Protein backbone atom coordinates (compact mmCIF):
# COMPACT_ATOMS: atom_id res chain seq x y z
CA MET A 1 -108.95 79.31 -12.82
CA ALA A 2 -106.00 77.49 -11.33
CA PHE A 3 -105.66 73.67 -11.50
CA THR A 4 -103.75 71.44 -9.07
CA ARG A 5 -101.52 68.76 -10.86
CA ALA A 6 -102.60 65.24 -9.94
CA THR A 7 -99.71 62.91 -9.01
CA GLY A 8 -101.66 59.71 -9.45
CA LYS A 9 -99.76 58.09 -6.48
CA HIS A 10 -97.31 59.15 -3.78
CA ARG A 11 -93.74 59.13 -4.98
CA GLY A 12 -91.08 57.88 -2.61
CA ALA A 13 -88.40 60.16 -1.33
CA SER A 14 -85.39 60.52 -3.54
CA ARG A 15 -82.03 59.00 -2.46
CA LEU A 16 -80.63 62.41 -1.72
CA ALA A 17 -83.63 63.15 0.38
CA ARG A 18 -83.28 59.87 2.26
CA ARG A 19 -79.59 60.45 2.96
CA SER A 20 -80.33 63.93 4.11
CA ALA A 21 -82.90 62.59 6.42
CA GLY A 22 -80.58 59.96 7.78
CA ILE A 23 -77.93 62.51 8.50
CA ALA A 24 -80.49 64.62 10.18
CA GLY A 25 -81.66 61.73 12.23
CA VAL A 26 -78.18 60.81 13.36
CA ALA A 27 -77.60 64.48 14.25
CA ALA A 28 -80.64 64.42 16.38
CA LEU A 29 -79.78 61.21 18.07
CA ALA A 30 -76.28 62.40 18.82
CA THR A 31 -77.70 64.86 21.30
CA THR A 32 -79.19 62.07 23.30
CA GLY A 33 -76.04 59.80 23.31
CA VAL A 34 -77.51 57.15 21.05
CA VAL A 35 -74.80 57.57 18.48
CA GLY A 36 -72.32 55.80 20.70
CA THR A 37 -74.74 52.88 20.93
CA LEU A 38 -75.12 52.80 17.17
CA ALA A 39 -71.43 53.16 16.45
CA SER A 40 -70.28 50.04 18.42
CA PRO A 41 -72.37 47.52 16.36
CA ALA A 42 -71.13 49.26 13.23
CA LEU A 43 -67.46 49.03 14.32
CA ALA A 44 -67.95 45.46 15.33
CA ALA A 45 -69.47 44.64 12.02
CA ASP A 46 -66.58 46.30 10.31
CA THR A 47 -64.17 44.24 12.39
CA ASP A 48 -65.96 40.99 11.77
CA ASP A 49 -65.89 41.55 8.04
CA ARG A 50 -62.03 41.73 7.99
CA SER A 51 -60.28 38.63 6.61
CA PRO A 52 -57.75 36.80 8.85
CA GLU A 53 -54.90 38.15 6.74
CA ASP A 54 -55.97 41.65 7.67
CA THR A 55 -54.98 40.90 11.29
CA GLY A 56 -51.38 40.01 10.24
CA LEU A 57 -51.42 36.81 12.46
CA THR A 58 -51.64 34.34 9.55
CA GLN A 59 -48.71 35.98 7.80
CA VAL A 60 -46.60 35.61 10.90
CA ILE A 61 -47.54 31.99 11.29
CA ALA A 62 -46.76 31.33 7.67
CA ASP A 63 -43.37 33.10 7.93
CA ASP A 64 -42.59 31.00 11.02
CA SER A 65 -43.47 27.78 9.29
CA ILE A 66 -41.23 28.58 6.27
CA ALA A 67 -38.41 29.54 8.59
CA ASP A 68 -38.72 26.23 10.46
CA GLN A 69 -38.61 24.36 7.16
CA LEU A 70 -35.51 26.24 6.01
CA ASN A 71 -33.81 25.66 9.38
CA ALA A 72 -34.62 21.97 9.22
CA GLN A 73 -33.37 21.73 5.66
CA ALA A 74 -30.13 23.63 6.56
CA ALA A 75 -29.64 21.32 9.60
CA ALA A 76 -30.19 18.24 7.38
CA GLN A 77 -27.66 19.56 4.83
CA GLU A 78 -25.18 20.28 7.56
CA ARG A 79 -25.57 16.76 8.94
CA GLU A 80 -25.18 15.32 5.49
CA ALA A 81 -22.05 17.36 4.90
CA THR A 82 -20.69 16.28 8.29
CA GLU A 83 -21.36 12.69 7.58
CA ALA A 84 -19.91 12.90 4.09
CA GLU A 85 -16.74 14.48 5.52
CA ALA A 86 -16.55 11.72 8.20
CA ARG A 87 -16.92 9.10 5.44
CA ALA A 88 -14.26 10.71 3.35
CA LYS A 89 -11.92 10.90 6.33
CA ALA A 90 -12.62 7.17 7.09
CA ARG A 91 -11.86 6.20 3.47
CA ALA A 92 -8.69 8.24 3.56
CA GLU A 93 -7.62 6.69 6.85
CA ALA A 94 -8.43 3.17 5.59
CA LYS A 95 -6.38 3.91 2.39
CA ARG A 96 -3.45 5.18 4.50
CA GLU A 97 -3.65 2.09 6.71
CA ALA A 98 -3.85 -0.16 3.66
CA GLU A 99 -0.86 1.55 2.03
CA ALA A 100 1.07 1.38 5.33
CA ARG A 101 0.25 -2.30 5.59
CA ALA A 102 1.22 -2.93 2.00
CA GLN A 103 4.46 -1.09 2.61
CA GLU A 104 5.15 -3.17 5.69
CA ILE A 105 4.52 -6.34 3.74
CA ARG A 106 6.83 -5.15 0.95
CA GLU A 107 9.54 -4.27 3.41
CA ALA A 108 9.12 -7.58 5.22
CA LYS A 109 9.43 -9.41 1.87
CA GLU A 110 12.48 -7.34 0.93
CA ARG A 111 14.08 -8.13 4.33
CA ALA A 112 13.24 -11.78 3.93
CA ALA A 113 14.75 -11.78 0.40
CA ARG A 114 17.84 -9.98 1.57
CA GLU A 115 18.28 -12.42 4.45
CA ALA A 116 17.75 -15.40 2.14
CA GLU A 117 20.28 -13.98 -0.28
CA ARG A 118 22.71 -13.27 2.55
CA ARG A 119 22.33 -16.93 3.75
CA ARG A 120 22.71 -18.21 0.18
CA LEU A 121 25.89 -16.23 -0.34
CA ALA A 122 27.27 -17.41 2.97
CA SER A 123 26.34 -21.00 2.21
CA PHE A 124 28.64 -23.77 0.96
CA THR A 125 28.03 -26.69 -1.36
CA LEU A 126 29.82 -29.65 -2.93
CA PRO A 127 32.15 -28.73 -5.84
CA VAL A 128 30.57 -31.52 -7.96
CA ALA A 129 26.88 -32.11 -7.31
CA GLY A 130 26.02 -35.47 -5.94
CA SER A 131 29.64 -36.55 -5.89
CA TYR A 132 31.69 -38.32 -3.24
CA VAL A 133 35.27 -38.49 -2.07
CA SER A 134 37.27 -41.10 -4.03
CA THR A 135 40.65 -40.38 -2.46
CA GLY A 136 40.89 -39.02 1.07
CA TYR A 137 42.99 -36.30 2.66
CA LYS A 138 46.65 -37.18 3.54
CA THR A 139 46.47 -40.46 1.73
CA GLY A 140 50.12 -41.62 1.19
CA GLY A 141 51.73 -42.69 -2.00
CA SER A 142 54.24 -41.94 -4.67
CA LEU A 143 51.67 -40.11 -6.77
CA TRP A 144 52.17 -37.01 -4.74
CA SER A 145 55.43 -35.09 -4.48
CA SER A 146 54.96 -34.39 -0.79
CA GLY A 147 54.35 -38.05 -0.11
CA SER A 148 50.74 -37.57 0.79
CA HIS A 149 47.52 -36.19 -0.67
CA SER A 150 47.21 -32.47 0.09
CA GLY A 151 43.47 -32.44 -0.70
CA VAL A 152 40.69 -34.88 -1.60
CA ASP A 153 39.58 -36.24 -4.97
CA PHE A 154 35.88 -36.02 -5.87
CA HIS A 155 34.56 -38.54 -8.29
CA ALA A 156 33.75 -36.77 -11.55
CA SER A 157 33.39 -38.18 -14.98
CA TYR A 158 35.02 -36.22 -17.81
CA GLY A 159 33.12 -33.05 -18.59
CA SER A 160 31.22 -32.76 -15.25
CA SER A 161 30.33 -29.27 -14.12
CA VAL A 162 32.60 -27.95 -11.36
CA VAL A 163 31.29 -25.18 -9.18
CA SER A 164 32.60 -22.85 -6.50
CA VAL A 165 31.85 -24.21 -3.09
CA GLY A 166 31.07 -20.74 -1.70
CA SER A 167 31.25 -16.99 -2.34
CA GLY A 168 34.60 -15.49 -3.19
CA THR A 169 37.03 -13.97 -5.73
CA VAL A 170 39.13 -15.80 -8.23
CA VAL A 171 42.87 -15.21 -7.56
CA GLU A 172 44.25 -17.83 -9.93
CA ALA A 173 42.86 -19.31 -13.13
CA GLY A 174 45.24 -21.19 -15.48
CA TRP A 175 47.89 -23.79 -15.66
CA GLY A 176 49.06 -25.05 -12.22
CA GLY A 177 51.84 -27.58 -13.07
CA ALA A 178 51.01 -30.89 -11.38
CA TYR A 179 47.43 -29.62 -10.87
CA GLY A 180 46.97 -29.02 -14.57
CA ASN A 181 44.27 -26.46 -15.32
CA ASN A 182 43.45 -25.12 -11.94
CA ILE A 183 41.50 -22.37 -10.10
CA VAL A 184 42.14 -20.83 -6.77
CA ILE A 185 39.44 -18.80 -5.06
CA ARG A 186 39.77 -16.54 -2.03
CA MET A 187 36.55 -17.22 -0.09
CA ASN A 188 34.67 -14.37 1.63
CA ASP A 189 35.57 -15.86 5.01
CA GLY A 190 39.27 -15.44 4.25
CA THR A 191 40.05 -19.01 3.43
CA TYR A 192 41.07 -20.38 -0.01
CA THR A 193 39.85 -23.28 -2.16
CA GLN A 194 41.52 -24.97 -5.13
CA TYR A 195 40.11 -26.94 -8.06
CA GLY A 196 42.60 -29.07 -10.10
CA HIS A 197 42.92 -31.25 -13.21
CA LEU A 198 40.11 -29.29 -15.03
CA SER A 199 39.60 -29.85 -18.77
CA SER A 200 38.52 -26.22 -19.17
CA ILE A 201 38.28 -23.02 -17.08
CA GLY A 202 35.30 -20.75 -17.21
CA VAL A 203 36.31 -17.79 -14.92
CA TYR A 204 39.04 -15.17 -14.85
CA VAL A 205 41.19 -13.60 -12.12
CA GLY A 206 39.37 -10.90 -10.23
CA GLN A 207 35.90 -12.35 -10.99
CA THR A 208 33.53 -12.77 -8.02
CA VAL A 209 31.71 -16.06 -7.79
CA GLU A 210 28.79 -17.34 -5.76
CA PRO A 211 28.01 -20.72 -4.22
CA GLY A 212 27.06 -23.28 -6.82
CA GLN A 213 28.24 -21.05 -9.77
CA GLN A 214 30.02 -23.09 -12.48
CA ILE A 215 33.73 -22.27 -12.78
CA GLY A 216 34.95 -25.04 -15.00
CA VAL A 217 34.65 -28.55 -16.31
CA SER A 218 36.32 -31.64 -14.85
CA GLY A 219 39.06 -33.45 -16.64
CA SER A 220 42.47 -35.16 -16.22
CA THR A 221 45.03 -32.51 -16.96
CA GLY A 222 48.36 -32.34 -15.11
CA ASN A 223 49.52 -35.19 -12.79
CA SER A 224 46.38 -37.32 -13.05
CA THR A 225 45.60 -40.94 -13.69
CA GLY A 226 42.06 -40.30 -14.89
CA PRO A 227 39.20 -37.77 -14.81
CA HIS A 228 38.36 -36.46 -11.35
CA LEU A 229 38.38 -33.19 -9.39
CA HIS A 230 41.21 -32.47 -7.00
CA PHE A 231 39.88 -30.17 -4.31
CA GLU A 232 41.87 -28.44 -1.61
CA ALA A 233 41.04 -26.06 1.28
CA ARG A 234 43.86 -23.73 2.42
CA ALA A 235 44.56 -21.14 5.01
CA THR A 236 46.41 -19.08 2.37
CA ALA A 237 46.76 -19.11 -1.41
CA GLU A 238 50.11 -20.93 -1.19
CA TYR A 239 50.80 -24.56 -1.46
CA GLY A 240 51.46 -26.23 1.93
CA SER A 241 48.80 -24.26 3.87
CA ASP A 242 46.23 -26.96 3.22
CA ILE A 243 43.58 -27.96 5.79
CA ASN A 244 41.27 -31.00 5.85
CA PRO A 245 38.79 -30.37 3.01
CA VAL A 246 36.11 -32.67 4.44
CA ALA A 247 36.24 -31.04 7.87
CA TYR A 248 36.25 -27.64 6.07
CA LEU A 249 33.09 -28.37 4.15
CA ARG A 250 31.29 -30.03 7.01
CA ALA A 251 32.00 -27.09 9.25
CA ARG A 252 30.18 -24.98 6.70
CA GLY A 253 27.11 -27.12 6.55
CA VAL A 254 27.95 -29.43 3.62
CA SER A 255 27.01 -33.05 4.02
CA LEU A 256 29.41 -35.59 2.53
């Protein structure tokens, strides 16, 4: 006798069976055009499930933002470089101007110094500082072989410093007969000056001298009655070419 196996309860369809049934159902619906209706929601669902990155839009936006930042940074660096270059040029220009100004000041000082030296060398002074004329020019008397004084006497105690009245070159330095120890200087303006009765001589022939430079010491050598300085101004180096010493010195700015 045959027995039928009892199942106890109905078992659900297996997964394979359910899938087969689904496929069969879709195949059946396809013939009625329902598949197109089912496909659209499925595709829409698939599209909705995609992340924003999947569209490519966010990536493009991110790339644009980075590019803008880089461009802005590059522009800022370029501005900074331009400003730095401008500052460097300004500093260089300021330095050049300062150096040019300093050079102008140095040159002006040098010109002023040269001019001052030129004036000094062209100046004249008394042969004995603070002295005065004790015997005038052309004073008569037996003391002088020519019958009159060919120069002037400046008051000078023994050992007083005697200086050149201006710039020139020594053409005579030694014994001068009646003049005792004497010096003759050819001045730069072409005239001559003589200094007589010196106790000592401090220059030599050919030496150049400047205004106020000591050339000797006063005394009473030669035809002299006491210490003083005999001073003459001459047109030439020779005796007899004398000119008024007071007028000579005054014409050259010396007060006496």
